[in-house]
Amino acid sequence: MVLITGTLLYANTIPQKINYSGSLT
């Protein structure tokens, strides 16, 4: 139950961001 609950809580906290690096020339 702890494992399932932890998995469900983690699934709801997946970041909605993407780190992106680039170069401008």
PDBML (XML) file of the C-alpha atoms, coordinates in Angstrom:
<?xml version="1.0" encoding="UTF-8" ?>
<PDBx:datablock datablockName="MODEL"
   xmlns:PDBx="http://pdbml.pdb.org/schema/pdbx-v50.xsd"
   xmlns:xsi="http://www.w3.org/2001/XMLSchema-instance"
   xsi:schemaLocation="http://pdbml.pdb.org/schema/pdbx-v50.xsd pdbx-v50.xsd">
   <PDBx:atom_siteCategory>
      <PDBx:atom_site id="1">
         <PDBx:B_iso_or_equiv>0.00</PDBx:B_iso_or_equiv>
         <PDBx:Cartn_x>0.000</PDBx:Cartn_x>
         <PDBx:Cartn_y>0.000</PDBx:Cartn_y>
         <PDBx:Cartn_z>0.000</PDBx:Cartn_z>
         <PDBx:auth_asym_id>A</PDBx:auth_asym_id>
         <PDBx:auth_atom_id>CA</PDBx:auth_atom_id>
         <PDBx:auth_comp_id>MET</PDBx:auth_comp_id>
         <PDBx:auth_seq_id>1</PDBx:auth_seq_id>
         <PDBx:group_PDB>ATOM</PDBx:group_PDB>
         <PDBx:label_alt_id xsi:nil="true" />
         <PDBx:label_asym_id>A</PDBx:label_asym_id>
         <PDBx:label_atom_id>CA</PDBx:label_atom_id>
         <PDBx:label_comp_id>MET</PDBx:label_comp_id>
         <PDBx:label_entity_id>1</PDBx:label_entity_id>
         <PDBx:label_seq_id>1</PDBx:label_seq_id>
         <PDBx:occupancy>1.00</PDBx:occupancy>
         <PDBx:pdbx_PDB_model_num>1</PDBx:pdbx_PDB_model_num>
         <PDBx:type_symbol>C</PDBx:type_symbol>
      </PDBx:atom_site>
      <PDBx:atom_site id="2">
         <PDBx:B_iso_or_equiv>0.00</PDBx:B_iso_or_equiv>
         <PDBx:Cartn_x>2.861</PDBx:Cartn_x>
         <PDBx:Cartn_y>2.389</PDBx:Cartn_y>
         <PDBx:Cartn_z>0.816</PDBx:Cartn_z>
         <PDBx:auth_asym_id>A</PDBx:auth_asym_id>
         <PDBx:auth_atom_id>CA</PDBx:auth_atom_id>
         <PDBx:auth_comp_id>VAL</PDBx:auth_comp_id>
         <PDBx:auth_seq_id>2</PDBx:auth_seq_id>
         <PDBx:group_PDB>ATOM</PDBx:group_PDB>
         <PDBx:label_alt_id xsi:nil="true" />
         <PDBx:label_asym_id>A</PDBx:label_asym_id>
         <PDBx:label_atom_id>CA</PDBx:label_atom_id>
         <PDBx:label_comp_id>VAL</PDBx:label_comp_id>
         <PDBx:label_entity_id>1</PDBx:label_entity_id>
         <PDBx:label_seq_id>2</PDBx:label_seq_id>
         <PDBx:occupancy>1.00</PDBx:occupancy>
         <PDBx:pdbx_PDB_model_num>1</PDBx:pdbx_PDB_model_num>
         <PDBx:type_symbol>C</PDBx:type_symbol>
      </PDBx:atom_site>
      <PDBx:atom_site id="3">
         <PDBx:B_iso_or_equiv>0.00</PDBx:B_iso_or_equiv>
         <PDBx:Cartn_x>4.569</PDBx:Cartn_x>
         <PDBx:Cartn_y>1.553</PDBx:Cartn_y>
         <PDBx:Cartn_z>-2.489</PDBx:Cartn_z>
         <PDBx:auth_asym_id>A</PDBx:auth_asym_id>
         <PDBx:auth_atom_id>CA</PDBx:auth_atom_id>
         <PDBx:auth_comp_id>LEU</PDBx:auth_comp_id>
         <PDBx:auth_seq_id>3</PDBx:auth_seq_id>
         <PDBx:group_PDB>ATOM</PDBx:group_PDB>
         <PDBx:label_alt_id xsi:nil="true" />
         <PDBx:label_asym_id>A</PDBx:label_asym_id>
         <PDBx:label_atom_id>CA</PDBx:label_atom_id>
         <PDBx:label_comp_id>LEU</PDBx:label_comp_id>
         <PDBx:label_entity_id>1</PDBx:label_entity_id>
         <PDBx:label_seq_id>3</PDBx:label_seq_id>
         <PDBx:occupancy>1.00</PDBx:occupancy>
         <PDBx:pdbx_PDB_model_num>1</PDBx:pdbx_PDB_model_num>
         <PDBx:type_symbol>C</PDBx:type_symbol>
      </PDBx:atom_site>
      <PDBx:atom_site id="4">
         <PDBx:B_iso_or_equiv>0.00</PDBx:B_iso_or_equiv>
         <PDBx:Cartn_x>1.383</PDBx:Cartn_x>
         <PDBx:Cartn_y>2.074</PDBx:Cartn_y>
         <PDBx:Cartn_z>-4.498</PDBx:Cartn_z>
         <PDBx:auth_asym_id>A</PDBx:auth_asym_id>
         <PDBx:auth_atom_id>CA</PDBx:auth_atom_id>
         <PDBx:auth_comp_id>ILE</PDBx:auth_comp_id>
         <PDBx:auth_seq_id>4</PDBx:auth_seq_id>
         <PDBx:group_PDB>ATOM</PDBx:group_PDB>
         <PDBx:label_alt_id xsi:nil="true" />
         <PDBx:label_asym_id>A</PDBx:label_asym_id>
         <PDBx:label_atom_id>CA</PDBx:label_atom_id>
         <PDBx:label_comp_id>ILE</PDBx:label_comp_id>
         <PDBx:label_entity_id>1</PDBx:label_entity_id>
         <PDBx:label_seq_id>4</PDBx:label_seq_id>
         <PDBx:occupancy>1.00</PDBx:occupancy>
         <PDBx:pdbx_PDB_model_num>1</PDBx:pdbx_PDB_model_num>
         <PDBx:type_symbol>C</PDBx:type_symbol>
      </PDBx:atom_site>
      <PDBx:atom_site id="5">
         <PDBx:B_iso_or_equiv>0.00</PDBx:B_iso_or_equiv>
         <PDBx:Cartn_x>0.524</PDBx:Cartn_x>
         <PDBx:Cartn_y>5.307</PDBx:Cartn_y>
         <PDBx:Cartn_z>-2.679</PDBx:Cartn_z>
         <PDBx:auth_asym_id>A</PDBx:auth_asym_id>
         <PDBx:auth_atom_id>CA</PDBx:auth_atom_id>
         <PDBx:auth_comp_id>THR</PDBx:auth_comp_id>
         <PDBx:auth_seq_id>5</PDBx:auth_seq_id>
         <PDBx:group_PDB>ATOM</PDBx:group_PDB>
         <PDBx:label_alt_id xsi:nil="true" />
         <PDBx:label_asym_id>A</PDBx:label_asym_id>
         <PDBx:label_atom_id>CA</PDBx:label_atom_id>
         <PDBx:label_comp_id>THR</PDBx:label_comp_id>
         <PDBx:label_entity_id>1</PDBx:label_entity_id>
         <PDBx:label_seq_id>5</PDBx:label_seq_id>
         <PDBx:occupancy>1.00</PDBx:occupancy>
         <PDBx:pdbx_PDB_model_num>1</PDBx:pdbx_PDB_model_num>
         <PDBx:type_symbol>C</PDBx:type_symbol>
      </PDBx:atom_site>
      <PDBx:atom_site id="6">
         <PDBx:B_iso_or_equiv>0.00</PDBx:B_iso_or_equiv>
         <PDBx:Cartn_x>4.057</PDBx:Cartn_x>
         <PDBx:Cartn_y>6.633</PDBx:Cartn_y>
         <PDBx:Cartn_z>-3.183</PDBx:Cartn_z>
         <PDBx:auth_asym_id>A</PDBx:auth_asym_id>
         <PDBx:auth_atom_id>CA</PDBx:auth_atom_id>
         <PDBx:auth_comp_id>GLY</PDBx:auth_comp_id>
         <PDBx:auth_seq_id>6</PDBx:auth_seq_id>
         <PDBx:group_PDB>ATOM</PDBx:group_PDB>
         <PDBx:label_alt_id xsi:nil="true" />
         <PDBx:label_asym_id>A</PDBx:label_asym_id>
         <PDBx:label_atom_id>CA</PDBx:label_atom_id>
         <PDBx:label_comp_id>GLY</PDBx:label_comp_id>
         <PDBx:label_entity_id>1</PDBx:label_entity_id>
         <PDBx:label_seq_id>6</PDBx:label_seq_id>
         <PDBx:occupancy>1.00</PDBx:occupancy>
         <PDBx:pdbx_PDB_model_num>1</PDBx:pdbx_PDB_model_num>
         <PDBx:type_symbol>C</PDBx:type_symbol>
      </PDBx:atom_site>
      <PDBx:atom_site id="7">
         <PDBx:B_iso_or_equiv>0.00</PDBx:B_iso_or_equiv>
         <PDBx:Cartn_x>3.934</PDBx:Cartn_x>
         <PDBx:Cartn_y>5.772</PDBx:Cartn_y>
         <PDBx:Cartn_z>-6.868</PDBx:Cartn_z>
         <PDBx:auth_asym_id>A</PDBx:auth_asym_id>
         <PDBx:auth_atom_id>CA</PDBx:auth_atom_id>
         <PDBx:auth_comp_id>THR</PDBx:auth_comp_id>
         <PDBx:auth_seq_id>7</PDBx:auth_seq_id>
         <PDBx:group_PDB>ATOM</PDBx:group_PDB>
         <PDBx:label_alt_id xsi:nil="true" />
         <PDBx:label_asym_id>A</PDBx:label_asym_id>
         <PDBx:label_atom_id>CA</PDBx:label_atom_id>
         <PDBx:label_comp_id>THR</PDBx:label_comp_id>
         <PDBx:label_entity_id>1</PDBx:label_entity_id>
         <PDBx:label_seq_id>7</PDBx:label_seq_id>
         <PDBx:occupancy>1.00</PDBx:occupancy>
         <PDBx:pdbx_PDB_model_num>1</PDBx:pdbx_PDB_model_num>
         <PDBx:type_symbol>C</PDBx:type_symbol>
      </PDBx:atom_site>
      <PDBx:atom_site id="8">
         <PDBx:B_iso_or_equiv>0.00</PDBx:B_iso_or_equiv>
         <PDBx:Cartn_x>0.602</PDBx:Cartn_x>
         <PDBx:Cartn_y>7.552</PDBx:Cartn_y>
         <PDBx:Cartn_z>-7.308</PDBx:Cartn_z>
         <PDBx:auth_asym_id>A</PDBx:auth_asym_id>
         <PDBx:auth_atom_id>CA</PDBx:auth_atom_id>
         <PDBx:auth_comp_id>LEU</PDBx:auth_comp_id>
         <PDBx:auth_seq_id>8</PDBx:auth_seq_id>
         <PDBx:group_PDB>ATOM</PDBx:group_PDB>
         <PDBx:label_alt_id xsi:nil="true" />
         <PDBx:label_asym_id>A</PDBx:label_asym_id>
         <PDBx:label_atom_id>CA</PDBx:label_atom_id>
         <PDBx:label_comp_id>LEU</PDBx:label_comp_id>
         <PDBx:label_entity_id>1</PDBx:label_entity_id>
         <PDBx:label_seq_id>8</PDBx:label_seq_id>
         <PDBx:occupancy>1.00</PDBx:occupancy>
         <PDBx:pdbx_PDB_model_num>1</PDBx:pdbx_PDB_model_num>
         <PDBx:type_symbol>C</PDBx:type_symbol>
      </PDBx:atom_site>
      <PDBx:atom_site id="9">
         <PDBx:B_iso_or_equiv>0.00</PDBx:B_iso_or_equiv>
         <PDBx:Cartn_x>1.816</PDBx:Cartn_x>
         <PDBx:Cartn_y>10.624</PDBx:Cartn_y>
         <PDBx:Cartn_z>-5.451</PDBx:Cartn_z>
         <PDBx:auth_asym_id>A</PDBx:auth_asym_id>
         <PDBx:auth_atom_id>CA</PDBx:auth_atom_id>
         <PDBx:auth_comp_id>LEU</PDBx:auth_comp_id>
         <PDBx:auth_seq_id>9</PDBx:auth_seq_id>
         <PDBx:group_PDB>ATOM</PDBx:group_PDB>
         <PDBx:label_alt_id xsi:nil="true" />
         <PDBx:label_asym_id>A</PDBx:label_asym_id>
         <PDBx:label_atom_id>CA</PDBx:label_atom_id>
         <PDBx:label_comp_id>LEU</PDBx:label_comp_id>
         <PDBx:label_entity_id>1</PDBx:label_entity_id>
         <PDBx:label_seq_id>9</PDBx:label_seq_id>
         <PDBx:occupancy>1.00</PDBx:occupancy>
         <PDBx:pdbx_PDB_model_num>1</PDBx:pdbx_PDB_model_num>
         <PDBx:type_symbol>C</PDBx:type_symbol>
      </PDBx:atom_site>
      <PDBx:atom_site id="10">
         <PDBx:B_iso_or_equiv>0.00</PDBx:B_iso_or_equiv>
         <PDBx:Cartn_x>5.004</PDBx:Cartn_x>
         <PDBx:Cartn_y>10.738</PDBx:Cartn_y>
         <PDBx:Cartn_z>-7.545</PDBx:Cartn_z>
         <PDBx:auth_asym_id>A</PDBx:auth_asym_id>
         <PDBx:auth_atom_id>CA</PDBx:auth_atom_id>
         <PDBx:auth_comp_id>TYR</PDBx:auth_comp_id>
         <PDBx:auth_seq_id>10</PDBx:auth_seq_id>
         <PDBx:group_PDB>ATOM</PDBx:group_PDB>
         <PDBx:label_alt_id xsi:nil="true" />
         <PDBx:label_asym_id>A</PDBx:label_asym_id>
         <PDBx:label_atom_id>CA</PDBx:label_atom_id>
         <PDBx:label_comp_id>TYR</PDBx:label_comp_id>
         <PDBx:label_entity_id>1</PDBx:label_entity_id>
         <PDBx:label_seq_id>10</PDBx:label_seq_id>
         <PDBx:occupancy>1.00</PDBx:occupancy>
         <PDBx:pdbx_PDB_model_num>1</PDBx:pdbx_PDB_model_num>
         <PDBx:type_symbol>C</PDBx:type_symbol>
      </PDBx:atom_site>
      <PDBx:atom_site id="11">
         <PDBx:B_iso_or_equiv>0.00</PDBx:B_iso_or_equiv>
         <PDBx:Cartn_x>3.029</PDBx:Cartn_x>
         <PDBx:Cartn_y>10.369</PDBx:Cartn_y>
         <PDBx:Cartn_z>-10.780</PDBx:Cartn_z>
         <PDBx:auth_asym_id>A</PDBx:auth_asym_id>
         <PDBx:auth_atom_id>CA</PDBx:auth_atom_id>
         <PDBx:auth_comp_id>ALA</PDBx:auth_comp_id>
         <PDBx:auth_seq_id>11</PDBx:auth_seq_id>
         <PDBx:group_PDB>ATOM</PDBx:group_PDB>
         <PDBx:label_alt_id xsi:nil="true" />
         <PDBx:label_asym_id>A</PDBx:label_asym_id>
         <PDBx:label_atom_id>CA</PDBx:label_atom_id>
         <PDBx:label_comp_id>ALA</PDBx:label_comp_id>
         <PDBx:label_entity_id>1</PDBx:label_entity_id>
         <PDBx:label_seq_id>11</PDBx:label_seq_id>
         <PDBx:occupancy>1.00</PDBx:occupancy>
         <PDBx:pdbx_PDB_model_num>1</PDBx:pdbx_PDB_model_num>
         <PDBx:type_symbol>C</PDBx:type_symbol>
      </PDBx:atom_site>
      <PDBx:atom_site id="12">
         <PDBx:B_iso_or_equiv>0.00</PDBx:B_iso_or_equiv>
         <PDBx:Cartn_x>1.057</PDBx:Cartn_x>
         <PDBx:Cartn_y>13.480</PDBx:Cartn_y>
         <PDBx:Cartn_z>-9.878</PDBx:Cartn_z>
         <PDBx:auth_asym_id>A</PDBx:auth_asym_id>
         <PDBx:auth_atom_id>CA</PDBx:auth_atom_id>
         <PDBx:auth_comp_id>ASN</PDBx:auth_comp_id>
         <PDBx:auth_seq_id>12</PDBx:auth_seq_id>
         <PDBx:group_PDB>ATOM</PDBx:group_PDB>
         <PDBx:label_alt_id xsi:nil="true" />
         <PDBx:label_asym_id>A</PDBx:label_asym_id>
         <PDBx:label_atom_id>CA</PDBx:label_atom_id>
         <PDBx:label_comp_id>ASN</PDBx:label_comp_id>
         <PDBx:label_entity_id>1</PDBx:label_entity_id>
         <PDBx:label_seq_id>12</PDBx:label_seq_id>
         <PDBx:occupancy>1.00</PDBx:occupancy>
         <PDBx:pdbx_PDB_model_num>1</PDBx:pdbx_PDB_model_num>
         <PDBx:type_symbol>C</PDBx:type_symbol>
      </PDBx:atom_site>
      <PDBx:atom_site id="13">
         <PDBx:B_iso_or_equiv>0.00</PDBx:B_iso_or_equiv>
         <PDBx:Cartn_x>4.223</PDBx:Cartn_x>
         <PDBx:Cartn_y>15.507</PDBx:Cartn_y>
         <PDBx:Cartn_z>-9.262</PDBx:Cartn_z>
         <PDBx:auth_asym_id>A</PDBx:auth_asym_id>
         <PDBx:auth_atom_id>CA</PDBx:auth_atom_id>
         <PDBx:auth_comp_id>THR</PDBx:auth_comp_id>
         <PDBx:auth_seq_id>13</PDBx:auth_seq_id>
         <PDBx:group_PDB>ATOM</PDBx:group_PDB>
         <PDBx:label_alt_id xsi:nil="true" />
         <PDBx:label_asym_id>A</PDBx:label_asym_id>
         <PDBx:label_atom_id>CA</PDBx:label_atom_id>
         <PDBx:label_comp_id>THR</PDBx:label_comp_id>
         <PDBx:label_entity_id>1</PDBx:label_entity_id>
         <PDBx:label_seq_id>13</PDBx:label_seq_id>
         <PDBx:occupancy>1.00</PDBx:occupancy>
         <PDBx:pdbx_PDB_model_num>1</PDBx:pdbx_PDB_model_num>
         <PDBx:type_symbol>C</PDBx:type_symbol>
      </PDBx:atom_site>
      <PDBx:atom_site id="14">
         <PDBx:B_iso_or_equiv>0.00</PDBx:B_iso_or_equiv>
         <PDBx:Cartn_x>6.017</PDBx:Cartn_x>
         <PDBx:Cartn_y>14.903</PDBx:Cartn_y>
         <PDBx:Cartn_z>-12.548</PDBx:Cartn_z>
         <PDBx:auth_asym_id>A</PDBx:auth_asym_id>
         <PDBx:auth_atom_id>CA</PDBx:auth_atom_id>
         <PDBx:auth_comp_id>ILE</PDBx:auth_comp_id>
         <PDBx:auth_seq_id>14</PDBx:auth_seq_id>
         <PDBx:group_PDB>ATOM</PDBx:group_PDB>
         <PDBx:label_alt_id xsi:nil="true" />
         <PDBx:label_asym_id>A</PDBx:label_asym_id>
         <PDBx:label_atom_id>CA</PDBx:label_atom_id>
         <PDBx:label_comp_id>ILE</PDBx:label_comp_id>
         <PDBx:label_entity_id>1</PDBx:label_entity_id>
         <PDBx:label_seq_id>14</PDBx:label_seq_id>
         <PDBx:occupancy>1.00</PDBx:occupancy>
         <PDBx:pdbx_PDB_model_num>1</PDBx:pdbx_PDB_model_num>
         <PDBx:type_symbol>C</PDBx:type_symbol>
      </PDBx:atom_site>
      <PDBx:atom_site id="15">
         <PDBx:B_iso_or_equiv>0.00</PDBx:B_iso_or_equiv>
         <PDBx:Cartn_x>7.549</PDBx:Cartn_x>
         <PDBx:Cartn_y>18.252</PDBx:Cartn_y>
         <PDBx:Cartn_z>-13.497</PDBx:Cartn_z>
         <PDBx:auth_asym_id>A</PDBx:auth_asym_id>
         <PDBx:auth_atom_id>CA</PDBx:auth_atom_id>
         <PDBx:auth_comp_id>PRO</PDBx:auth_comp_id>
         <PDBx:auth_seq_id>15</PDBx:auth_seq_id>
         <PDBx:group_PDB>ATOM</PDBx:group_PDB>
         <PDBx:label_alt_id xsi:nil="true" />
         <PDBx:label_asym_id>A</PDBx:label_asym_id>
         <PDBx:label_atom_id>CA</PDBx:label_atom_id>
         <PDBx:label_comp_id>PRO</PDBx:label_comp_id>
         <PDBx:label_entity_id>1</PDBx:label_entity_id>
         <PDBx:label_seq_id>15</PDBx:label_seq_id>
         <PDBx:occupancy>1.00</PDBx:occupancy>
         <PDBx:pdbx_PDB_model_num>1</PDBx:pdbx_PDB_model_num>
         <PDBx:type_symbol>C</PDBx:type_symbol>
      </PDBx:atom_site>
      <PDBx:atom_site id="16">
         <PDBx:B_iso_or_equiv>0.00</PDBx:B_iso_or_equiv>
         <PDBx:Cartn_x>5.843</PDBx:Cartn_x>
         <PDBx:Cartn_y>20.036</PDBx:Cartn_y>
         <PDBx:Cartn_z>-16.356</PDBx:Cartn_z>
         <PDBx:auth_asym_id>A</PDBx:auth_asym_id>
         <PDBx:auth_atom_id>CA</PDBx:auth_atom_id>
         <PDBx:auth_comp_id>GLN</PDBx:auth_comp_id>
         <PDBx:auth_seq_id>16</PDBx:auth_seq_id>
         <PDBx:group_PDB>ATOM</PDBx:group_PDB>
         <PDBx:label_alt_id xsi:nil="true" />
         <PDBx:label_asym_id>A</PDBx:label_asym_id>
         <PDBx:label_atom_id>CA</PDBx:label_atom_id>
         <PDBx:label_comp_id>GLN</PDBx:label_comp_id>
         <PDBx:label_entity_id>1</PDBx:label_entity_id>
         <PDBx:label_seq_id>16</PDBx:label_seq_id>
         <PDBx:occupancy>1.00</PDBx:occupancy>
         <PDBx:pdbx_PDB_model_num>1</PDBx:pdbx_PDB_model_num>
         <PDBx:type_symbol>C</PDBx:type_symbol>
      </PDBx:atom_site>
      <PDBx:atom_site id="17">
         <PDBx:B_iso_or_equiv>0.00</PDBx:B_iso_or_equiv>
         <PDBx:Cartn_x>9.095</PDBx:Cartn_x>
         <PDBx:Cartn_y>21.680</PDBx:Cartn_y>
         <PDBx:Cartn_z>-17.425</PDBx:Cartn_z>
         <PDBx:auth_asym_id>A</PDBx:auth_asym_id>
         <PDBx:auth_atom_id>CA</PDBx:auth_atom_id>
         <PDBx:auth_comp_id>LYS</PDBx:auth_comp_id>
         <PDBx:auth_seq_id>17</PDBx:auth_seq_id>
         <PDBx:group_PDB>ATOM</PDBx:group_PDB>
         <PDBx:label_alt_id xsi:nil="true" />
         <PDBx:label_asym_id>A</PDBx:label_asym_id>
         <PDBx:label_atom_id>CA</PDBx:label_atom_id>
         <PDBx:label_comp_id>LYS</PDBx:label_comp_id>
         <PDBx:label_entity_id>1</PDBx:label_entity_id>
         <PDBx:label_seq_id>17</PDBx:label_seq_id>
         <PDBx:occupancy>1.00</PDBx:occupancy>
         <PDBx:pdbx_PDB_model_num>1</PDBx:pdbx_PDB_model_num>
         <PDBx:type_symbol>C</PDBx:type_symbol>
      </PDBx:atom_site>
      <PDBx:atom_site id="18">
         <PDBx:B_iso_or_equiv>0.00</PDBx:B_iso_or_equiv>
         <PDBx:Cartn_x>11.958</PDBx:Cartn_x>
         <PDBx:Cartn_y>20.872</PDBx:Cartn_y>
         <PDBx:Cartn_z>-19.785</PDBx:Cartn_z>
         <PDBx:auth_asym_id>A</PDBx:auth_asym_id>
         <PDBx:auth_atom_id>CA</PDBx:auth_atom_id>
         <PDBx:auth_comp_id>ILE</PDBx:auth_comp_id>
         <PDBx:auth_seq_id>18</PDBx:auth_seq_id>
         <PDBx:group_PDB>ATOM</PDBx:group_PDB>
         <PDBx:label_alt_id xsi:nil="true" />
         <PDBx:label_asym_id>A</PDBx:label_asym_id>
         <PDBx:label_atom_id>CA</PDBx:label_atom_id>
         <PDBx:label_comp_id>ILE</PDBx:label_comp_id>
         <PDBx:label_entity_id>1</PDBx:label_entity_id>
         <PDBx:label_seq_id>18</PDBx:label_seq_id>
         <PDBx:occupancy>1.00</PDBx:occupancy>
         <PDBx:pdbx_PDB_model_num>1</PDBx:pdbx_PDB_model_num>
         <PDBx:type_symbol>C</PDBx:type_symbol>
      </PDBx:atom_site>
      <PDBx:atom_site id="19">
         <PDBx:B_iso_or_equiv>0.00</PDBx:B_iso_or_equiv>
         <PDBx:Cartn_x>15.475</PDBx:Cartn_x>
         <PDBx:Cartn_y>22.218</PDBx:Cartn_y>
         <PDBx:Cartn_z>-19.370</PDBx:Cartn_z>
         <PDBx:auth_asym_id>A</PDBx:auth_asym_id>
         <PDBx:auth_atom_id>CA</PDBx:auth_atom_id>
         <PDBx:auth_comp_id>ASN</PDBx:auth_comp_id>
         <PDBx:auth_seq_id>19</PDBx:auth_seq_id>
         <PDBx:group_PDB>ATOM</PDBx:group_PDB>
         <PDBx:label_alt_id xsi:nil="true" />
         <PDBx:label_asym_id>A</PDBx:label_asym_id>
         <PDBx:label_atom_id>CA</PDBx:label_atom_id>
         <PDBx:label_comp_id>ASN</PDBx:label_comp_id>
         <PDBx:label_entity_id>1</PDBx:label_entity_id>
         <PDBx:label_seq_id>19</PDBx:label_seq_id>
         <PDBx:occupancy>1.00</PDBx:occupancy>
         <PDBx:pdbx_PDB_model_num>1</PDBx:pdbx_PDB_model_num>
         <PDBx:type_symbol>C</PDBx:type_symbol>
      </PDBx:atom_site>
      <PDBx:atom_site id="20">
         <PDBx:B_iso_or_equiv>0.00</PDBx:B_iso_or_equiv>
         <PDBx:Cartn_x>16.684</PDBx:Cartn_x>
         <PDBx:Cartn_y>23.438</PDBx:Cartn_y>
         <PDBx:Cartn_z>-22.765</PDBx:Cartn_z>
         <PDBx:auth_asym_id>A</PDBx:auth_asym_id>
         <PDBx:auth_atom_id>CA</PDBx:auth_atom_id>
         <PDBx:auth_comp_id>TYR</PDBx:auth_comp_id>
         <PDBx:auth_seq_id>20</PDBx:auth_seq_id>
         <PDBx:group_PDB>ATOM</PDBx:group_PDB>
         <PDBx:label_alt_id xsi:nil="true" />
         <PDBx:label_asym_id>A</PDBx:label_asym_id>
         <PDBx:label_atom_id>CA</PDBx:label_atom_id>
         <PDBx:label_comp_id>TYR</PDBx:label_comp_id>
         <PDBx:label_entity_id>1</PDBx:label_entity_id>
         <PDBx:label_seq_id>20</PDBx:label_seq_id>
         <PDBx:occupancy>1.00</PDBx:occupancy>
         <PDBx:pdbx_PDB_model_num>1</PDBx:pdbx_PDB_model_num>
         <PDBx:type_symbol>C</PDBx:type_symbol>
      </PDBx:atom_site>
      <PDBx:atom_site id="21">
         <PDBx:B_iso_or_equiv>0.00</PDBx:B_iso_or_equiv>
         <PDBx:Cartn_x>20.050</PDBx:Cartn_x>
         <PDBx:Cartn_y>24.871</PDBx:Cartn_y>
         <PDBx:Cartn_z>-23.785</PDBx:Cartn_z>
         <PDBx:auth_asym_id>A</PDBx:auth_asym_id>
         <PDBx:auth_atom_id>CA</PDBx:auth_atom_id>
         <PDBx:auth_comp_id>SER</PDBx:auth_comp_id>
         <PDBx:auth_seq_id>21</PDBx:auth_seq_id>
         <PDBx:group_PDB>ATOM</PDBx:group_PDB>
         <PDBx:label_alt_id xsi:nil="true" />
         <PDBx:label_asym_id>A</PDBx:label_asym_id>
         <PDBx:label_atom_id>CA</PDBx:label_atom_id>
         <PDBx:label_comp_id>SER</PDBx:label_comp_id>
         <PDBx:label_entity_id>1</PDBx:label_entity_id>
         <PDBx:label_seq_id>21</PDBx:label_seq_id>
         <PDBx:occupancy>1.00</PDBx:occupancy>
         <PDBx:pdbx_PDB_model_num>1</PDBx:pdbx_PDB_model_num>
         <PDBx:type_symbol>C</PDBx:type_symbol>
      </PDBx:atom_site>
      <PDBx:atom_site id="22">
         <PDBx:B_iso_or_equiv>0.00</PDBx:B_iso_or_equiv>
         <PDBx:Cartn_x>20.922</PDBx:Cartn_x>
         <PDBx:Cartn_y>26.358</PDBx:Cartn_y>
         <PDBx:Cartn_z>-27.130</PDBx:Cartn_z>
         <PDBx:auth_asym_id>A</PDBx:auth_asym_id>
         <PDBx:auth_atom_id>CA</PDBx:auth_atom_id>
         <PDBx:auth_comp_id>GLY</PDBx:auth_comp_id>
         <PDBx:auth_seq_id>22</PDBx:auth_seq_id>
         <PDBx:group_PDB>ATOM</PDBx:group_PDB>
         <PDBx:label_alt_id xsi:nil="true" />
         <PDBx:label_asym_id>A</PDBx:label_asym_id>
         <PDBx:label_atom_id>CA</PDBx:label_atom_id>
         <PDBx:label_comp_id>GLY</PDBx:label_comp_id>
         <PDBx:label_entity_id>1</PDBx:label_entity_id>
         <PDBx:label_seq_id>22</PDBx:label_seq_id>
         <PDBx:occupancy>1.00</PDBx:occupancy>
         <PDBx:pdbx_PDB_model_num>1</PDBx:pdbx_PDB_model_num>
         <PDBx:type_symbol>C</PDBx:type_symbol>
      </PDBx:atom_site>
      <PDBx:atom_site id="23">
         <PDBx:B_iso_or_equiv>0.00</PDBx:B_iso_or_equiv>
         <PDBx:Cartn_x>23.224</PDBx:Cartn_x>
         <PDBx:Cartn_y>28.697</PDBx:Cartn_y>
         <PDBx:Cartn_z>-28.968</PDBx:Cartn_z>
         <PDBx:auth_asym_id>A</PDBx:auth_asym_id>
         <PDBx:auth_atom_id>CA</PDBx:auth_atom_id>
         <PDBx:auth_comp_id>SER</PDBx:auth_comp_id>
         <PDBx:auth_seq_id>23</PDBx:auth_seq_id>
         <PDBx:group_PDB>ATOM</PDBx:group_PDB>
         <PDBx:label_alt_id xsi:nil="true" />
         <PDBx:label_asym_id>A</PDBx:label_asym_id>
         <PDBx:label_atom_id>CA</PDBx:label_atom_id>
         <PDBx:label_comp_id>SER</PDBx:label_comp_id>
         <PDBx:label_entity_id>1</PDBx:label_entity_id>
         <PDBx:label_seq_id>23</PDBx:label_seq_id>
         <PDBx:occupancy>1.00</PDBx:occupancy>
         <PDBx:pdbx_PDB_model_num>1</PDBx:pdbx_PDB_model_num>
         <PDBx:type_symbol>C</PDBx:type_symbol>
      </PDBx:atom_site>
      <PDBx:atom_site id="24">
         <PDBx:B_iso_or_equiv>0.00</PDBx:B_iso_or_equiv>
         <PDBx:Cartn_x>22.333</PDBx:Cartn_x>
         <PDBx:Cartn_y>31.773</PDBx:Cartn_y>
         <PDBx:Cartn_z>-30.957</PDBx:Cartn_z>
         <PDBx:auth_asym_id>A</PDBx:auth_asym_id>
         <PDBx:auth_atom_id>CA</PDBx:auth_atom_id>
         <PDBx:auth_comp_id>LEU</PDBx:auth_comp_id>
         <PDBx:auth_seq_id>24</PDBx:auth_seq_id>
         <PDBx:group_PDB>ATOM</PDBx:group_PDB>
         <PDBx:label_alt_id xsi:nil="true" />
         <PDBx:label_asym_id>A</PDBx:label_asym_id>
         <PDBx:label_atom_id>CA</PDBx:label_atom_id>
         <PDBx:label_comp_id>LEU</PDBx:label_comp_id>
         <PDBx:label_entity_id>1</PDBx:label_entity_id>
         <PDBx:label_seq_id>24</PDBx:label_seq_id>
         <PDBx:occupancy>1.00</PDBx:occupancy>
         <PDBx:pdbx_PDB_model_num>1</PDBx:pdbx_PDB_model_num>
         <PDBx:type_symbol>C</PDBx:type_symbol>
      </PDBx:atom_site>
      <PDBx:atom_site id="25">
         <PDBx:B_iso_or_equiv>0.00</PDBx:B_iso_or_equiv>
         <PDBx:Cartn_x>24.488</PDBx:Cartn_x>
         <PDBx:Cartn_y>32.851</PDBx:Cartn_y>
         <PDBx:Cartn_z>-33.883</PDBx:Cartn_z>
         <PDBx:auth_asym_id>A</PDBx:auth_asym_id>
         <PDBx:auth_atom_id>CA</PDBx:auth_atom_id>
         <PDBx:auth_comp_id>THR</PDBx:auth_comp_id>
         <PDBx:auth_seq_id>25</PDBx:auth_seq_id>
         <PDBx:group_PDB>ATOM</PDBx:group_PDB>
         <PDBx:label_alt_id xsi:nil="true" />
         <PDBx:label_asym_id>A</PDBx:label_asym_id>
         <PDBx:label_atom_id>CA</PDBx:label_atom_id>
         <PDBx:label_comp_id>THR</PDBx:label_comp_id>
         <PDBx:label_entity_id>1</PDBx:label_entity_id>
         <PDBx:label_seq_id>25</PDBx:label_seq_id>
         <PDBx:occupancy>1.00</PDBx:occupancy>
         <PDBx:pdbx_PDB_model_num>1</PDBx:pdbx_PDB_model_num>
         <PDBx:type_symbol>C</PDBx:type_symbol>
      </PDBx:atom_site>
   </PDBx:atom_siteCategory>
</PDBx:datablock>
